[in-house]
N, C-alpha and C. Protein backbone atom coordinates (compact mmCIF):
# COMPACT_ATOMS: atom_id res chain seq x y z
N UNK A 1 27.76 1.13 -24.09
CA UNK A 1 26.60 1.38 -23.26
C UNK A 1 25.43 0.57 -23.80
N UNK A 2 24.69 -0.02 -22.87
CA UNK A 2 23.56 -0.84 -23.27
C UNK A 2 22.37 0.01 -23.67
N UNK A 3 21.62 -0.50 -24.63
CA UNK A 3 20.40 0.18 -25.05
C UNK A 3 19.31 -0.11 -24.03
N UNK A 4 18.61 0.93 -23.60
CA UNK A 4 17.54 0.75 -22.63
C UNK A 4 16.26 0.38 -23.35
N UNK A 5 15.59 -0.60 -22.80
CA UNK A 5 14.30 -1.00 -23.33
C UNK A 5 13.27 -0.88 -22.23
N UNK A 6 12.07 -0.67 -22.61
CA UNK A 6 10.99 -0.55 -21.63
C UNK A 6 9.90 -1.54 -21.97
N UNK A 7 9.45 -2.26 -20.97
CA UNK A 7 8.38 -3.22 -21.15
C UNK A 7 7.06 -2.48 -21.02
N UNK A 8 6.21 -2.64 -22.02
CA UNK A 8 4.90 -2.01 -22.00
C UNK A 8 3.85 -3.09 -22.16
N UNK A 9 2.88 -3.09 -21.27
CA UNK A 9 1.82 -4.08 -21.36
C UNK A 9 0.91 -3.75 -22.53
N UNK A 10 0.70 -4.71 -23.41
CA UNK A 10 -0.16 -4.49 -24.57
C UNK A 10 -1.61 -4.82 -24.25
N UNK A 11 -1.80 -5.51 -23.15
CA UNK A 11 -3.14 -5.88 -22.74
C UNK A 11 -3.51 -5.07 -21.51
N UNK A 12 -4.78 -4.85 -21.32
CA UNK A 12 -5.20 -4.12 -20.13
C UNK A 12 -5.55 -5.07 -19.00
N UNK A 13 -5.26 -6.35 -19.17
CA UNK A 13 -5.56 -7.30 -18.09
C UNK A 13 -4.73 -6.95 -16.86
N UNK A 14 -5.33 -7.13 -15.69
CA UNK A 14 -4.70 -6.74 -14.44
C UNK A 14 -3.36 -7.40 -14.19
N UNK A 15 -3.27 -8.70 -14.45
CA UNK A 15 -2.04 -9.44 -14.15
C UNK A 15 -0.89 -8.95 -15.01
N UNK A 16 -1.15 -8.71 -16.28
CA UNK A 16 -0.08 -8.25 -17.16
C UNK A 16 0.36 -6.84 -16.81
N UNK A 17 -0.58 -6.00 -16.41
CA UNK A 17 -0.22 -4.64 -16.01
C UNK A 17 0.61 -4.67 -14.74
N UNK A 18 0.25 -5.48 -13.78
CA UNK A 18 1.01 -5.60 -12.53
C UNK A 18 2.41 -6.10 -12.83
N UNK A 19 2.52 -7.10 -13.68
CA UNK A 19 3.83 -7.64 -14.05
C UNK A 19 4.66 -6.58 -14.76
N UNK A 20 4.07 -5.89 -15.72
CA UNK A 20 4.81 -4.85 -16.45
C UNK A 20 5.26 -3.74 -15.51
N UNK A 21 4.40 -3.35 -14.57
CA UNK A 21 4.77 -2.32 -13.60
C UNK A 21 5.91 -2.80 -12.71
N UNK A 22 5.85 -4.05 -12.28
CA UNK A 22 6.90 -4.61 -11.42
C UNK A 22 8.23 -4.67 -12.16
N UNK A 23 8.19 -5.09 -13.42
CA UNK A 23 9.42 -5.16 -14.22
C UNK A 23 9.98 -3.77 -14.45
N UNK A 24 9.11 -2.80 -14.72
CA UNK A 24 9.55 -1.42 -14.95
C UNK A 24 10.18 -0.84 -13.69
N UNK A 25 9.55 -1.08 -12.54
CA UNK A 25 10.10 -0.59 -11.28
C UNK A 25 11.44 -1.26 -10.97
N UNK A 26 11.53 -2.56 -11.19
CA UNK A 26 12.78 -3.28 -10.96
C UNK A 26 13.88 -2.76 -11.87
N UNK A 27 13.53 -2.51 -13.12
CA UNK A 27 14.50 -1.99 -14.07
C UNK A 27 15.02 -0.63 -13.64
N UNK A 28 14.13 0.24 -13.18
CA UNK A 28 14.55 1.57 -12.72
C UNK A 28 15.47 1.49 -11.51
N UNK A 29 15.13 0.62 -10.56
CA UNK A 29 15.97 0.48 -9.37
C UNK A 29 17.33 -0.12 -9.72
N UNK A 30 17.34 -1.09 -10.62
CA UNK A 30 18.62 -1.69 -11.02
C UNK A 30 19.47 -0.70 -11.81
N UNK A 31 18.84 0.19 -12.57
CA UNK A 31 19.59 1.24 -13.28
C UNK A 31 20.25 2.19 -12.27
N UNK A 32 19.55 2.50 -11.18
CA UNK A 32 20.13 3.34 -10.13
C UNK A 32 21.31 2.63 -9.47
N UNK A 33 21.14 1.33 -9.21
CA UNK A 33 22.22 0.55 -8.61
C UNK A 33 23.44 0.51 -9.54
N UNK A 34 23.19 0.36 -10.83
CA UNK A 34 24.27 0.35 -11.80
C UNK A 34 25.00 1.69 -11.81
N UNK A 35 24.26 2.79 -11.72
CA UNK A 35 24.87 4.12 -11.69
C UNK A 35 25.73 4.29 -10.43
N UNK A 36 25.21 3.84 -9.29
CA UNK A 36 25.99 3.93 -8.05
C UNK A 36 27.28 3.12 -8.15
N UNK A 37 27.19 1.92 -8.71
CA UNK A 37 28.39 1.09 -8.86
C UNK A 37 29.39 1.74 -9.83
N UNK A 38 28.87 2.38 -10.86
CA UNK A 38 29.76 3.07 -11.81
C UNK A 38 30.50 4.21 -11.14
N UNK A 39 29.80 4.98 -10.31
CA UNK A 39 30.45 6.07 -9.57
C UNK A 39 31.51 5.52 -8.62
N UNK A 40 31.16 4.44 -7.94
CA UNK A 40 32.09 3.85 -6.99
C UNK A 40 33.33 3.31 -7.71
N UNK A 41 33.13 2.65 -8.83
CA UNK A 41 34.26 2.11 -9.59
C UNK A 41 35.18 3.24 -10.06
N UNK A 42 34.59 4.32 -10.55
CA UNK A 42 35.38 5.47 -11.01
C UNK A 42 36.18 6.06 -9.86
N UNK A 43 35.52 6.25 -8.72
CA UNK A 43 36.19 6.81 -7.55
C UNK A 43 37.33 5.93 -7.06
N UNK A 44 37.10 4.63 -7.04
CA UNK A 44 38.15 3.71 -6.59
C UNK A 44 39.30 3.64 -7.59
N UNK A 45 38.98 3.70 -8.85
CA UNK A 45 40.00 3.64 -9.89
C UNK A 45 40.98 4.80 -9.77
N UNK A 46 40.46 5.97 -9.43
CA UNK A 46 41.30 7.16 -9.35
C UNK A 46 41.55 7.62 -7.92
N UNK A 47 41.41 6.72 -6.96
CA UNK A 47 41.59 7.08 -5.56
C UNK A 47 43.00 7.54 -5.25
N UNK A 48 43.99 7.07 -6.00
CA UNK A 48 45.38 7.48 -5.76
C UNK A 48 45.58 8.97 -6.03
N UNK A 49 44.72 9.55 -6.85
CA UNK A 49 44.87 10.95 -7.23
C UNK A 49 44.02 11.89 -6.37
N UNK A 50 43.32 11.34 -5.40
CA UNK A 50 42.44 12.15 -4.55
C UNK A 50 43.15 12.46 -3.24
N UNK A 51 43.23 13.73 -2.91
CA UNK A 51 43.88 14.13 -1.67
C UNK A 51 43.02 13.80 -0.45
N UNK A 52 41.72 13.95 -0.60
CA UNK A 52 40.83 13.73 0.54
C UNK A 52 40.03 12.43 0.38
N UNK A 53 40.70 11.37 0.01
CA UNK A 53 40.06 10.07 -0.19
C UNK A 53 39.50 9.56 1.14
N UNK A 54 38.22 9.23 1.14
CA UNK A 54 37.57 8.72 2.35
C UNK A 54 36.86 7.41 1.99
N UNK A 55 37.39 6.31 2.47
CA UNK A 55 36.81 5.00 2.17
C UNK A 55 35.38 4.88 2.70
N UNK A 56 35.03 5.65 3.72
CA UNK A 56 33.69 5.62 4.27
C UNK A 56 32.64 6.02 3.25
N UNK A 57 33.00 6.93 2.34
CA UNK A 57 32.06 7.33 1.28
C UNK A 57 31.72 6.14 0.39
N UNK A 58 32.71 5.32 0.11
CA UNK A 58 32.48 4.16 -0.74
C UNK A 58 31.67 3.08 -0.03
N UNK A 59 31.85 2.99 1.27
CA UNK A 59 31.04 2.06 2.06
C UNK A 59 29.58 2.47 2.01
N UNK A 60 29.33 3.76 2.06
CA UNK A 60 27.96 4.28 1.98
C UNK A 60 27.36 3.97 0.62
N UNK A 61 28.12 4.19 -0.44
CA UNK A 61 27.65 3.86 -1.79
C UNK A 61 27.35 2.37 -1.93
N UNK A 62 28.23 1.54 -1.39
CA UNK A 62 28.02 0.09 -1.47
C UNK A 62 26.76 -0.32 -0.71
N UNK A 63 26.51 0.28 0.44
CA UNK A 63 25.31 -0.05 1.21
C UNK A 63 24.05 0.42 0.50
N UNK A 64 24.09 1.58 -0.14
CA UNK A 64 22.95 2.07 -0.90
C UNK A 64 22.64 1.12 -2.06
N UNK A 65 23.68 0.65 -2.72
CA UNK A 65 23.50 -0.27 -3.84
C UNK A 65 22.94 -1.60 -3.35
N UNK A 66 23.47 -2.11 -2.24
CA UNK A 66 22.94 -3.34 -1.66
C UNK A 66 21.46 -3.21 -1.35
N UNK A 67 21.10 -2.08 -0.79
CA UNK A 67 19.71 -1.84 -0.43
C UNK A 67 18.80 -1.82 -1.66
N UNK A 68 19.24 -1.17 -2.72
CA UNK A 68 18.44 -1.14 -3.96
C UNK A 68 18.26 -2.54 -4.53
N UNK A 69 19.33 -3.31 -4.58
CA UNK A 69 19.26 -4.66 -5.13
C UNK A 69 18.37 -5.55 -4.25
N UNK A 70 18.49 -5.41 -2.94
CA UNK A 70 17.66 -6.21 -2.03
C UNK A 70 16.18 -5.86 -2.20
N UNK A 71 15.89 -4.58 -2.39
CA UNK A 71 14.50 -4.16 -2.61
C UNK A 71 13.94 -4.78 -3.88
N UNK A 72 14.73 -4.78 -4.95
CA UNK A 72 14.29 -5.39 -6.21
C UNK A 72 14.04 -6.87 -6.00
N UNK A 73 14.98 -7.54 -5.34
CA UNK A 73 14.85 -8.98 -5.09
C UNK A 73 13.60 -9.28 -4.28
N UNK A 74 13.39 -8.52 -3.21
CA UNK A 74 12.23 -8.75 -2.35
C UNK A 74 10.92 -8.49 -3.10
N UNK A 75 10.88 -7.42 -3.87
CA UNK A 75 9.67 -7.12 -4.64
C UNK A 75 9.37 -8.20 -5.67
N UNK A 76 10.40 -8.69 -6.34
CA UNK A 76 10.18 -9.75 -7.33
C UNK A 76 9.79 -11.05 -6.65
N UNK A 77 10.38 -11.33 -5.47
CA UNK A 77 9.99 -12.52 -4.72
C UNK A 77 8.53 -12.46 -4.30
N UNK A 78 8.10 -11.29 -3.81
CA UNK A 78 6.71 -11.17 -3.37
C UNK A 78 5.77 -11.25 -4.57
N UNK A 79 6.20 -10.75 -5.71
CA UNK A 79 5.38 -10.85 -6.92
C UNK A 79 5.23 -12.31 -7.33
N UNK A 80 6.32 -13.07 -7.25
CA UNK A 80 6.29 -14.48 -7.58
C UNK A 80 5.39 -15.24 -6.62
N UNK A 81 5.50 -14.93 -5.33
CA UNK A 81 4.67 -15.61 -4.34
C UNK A 81 3.20 -15.27 -4.51
N UNK A 82 2.90 -14.03 -4.85
CA UNK A 82 1.50 -13.64 -5.03
C UNK A 82 0.90 -14.28 -6.27
N UNK A 83 1.75 -14.72 -7.19
CA UNK A 83 1.27 -15.39 -8.39
C UNK A 83 1.04 -16.87 -8.11
N UNK A 84 1.33 -17.32 -6.88
CA UNK A 84 1.09 -18.71 -6.51
C UNK A 84 2.23 -19.65 -6.84
N UNK A 85 3.40 -19.08 -7.06
CA UNK A 85 4.56 -19.91 -7.35
C UNK A 85 5.39 -20.05 -6.10
N UNK A 86 6.13 -21.14 -5.99
CA UNK A 86 6.98 -21.34 -4.80
C UNK A 86 8.12 -20.37 -4.73
């Protein structure tokens, strides 16, 4: 298991605080996506032993994970654009 680290802004400057907040939010969302993928992997690994296996449940988990990752990507893209980078 990976050790979790948290980025903390040491300066009170606005740009660094915004960046630290964005990184912290992205990290939290990616941790949720990782947890969803872990649940899905476990369920698929042992699907042969499940009497009421429903592939639709896994499709829902995959879509939730896609949505979380897309949100992180979009937020980081908008942060990059607001910083004046291409």
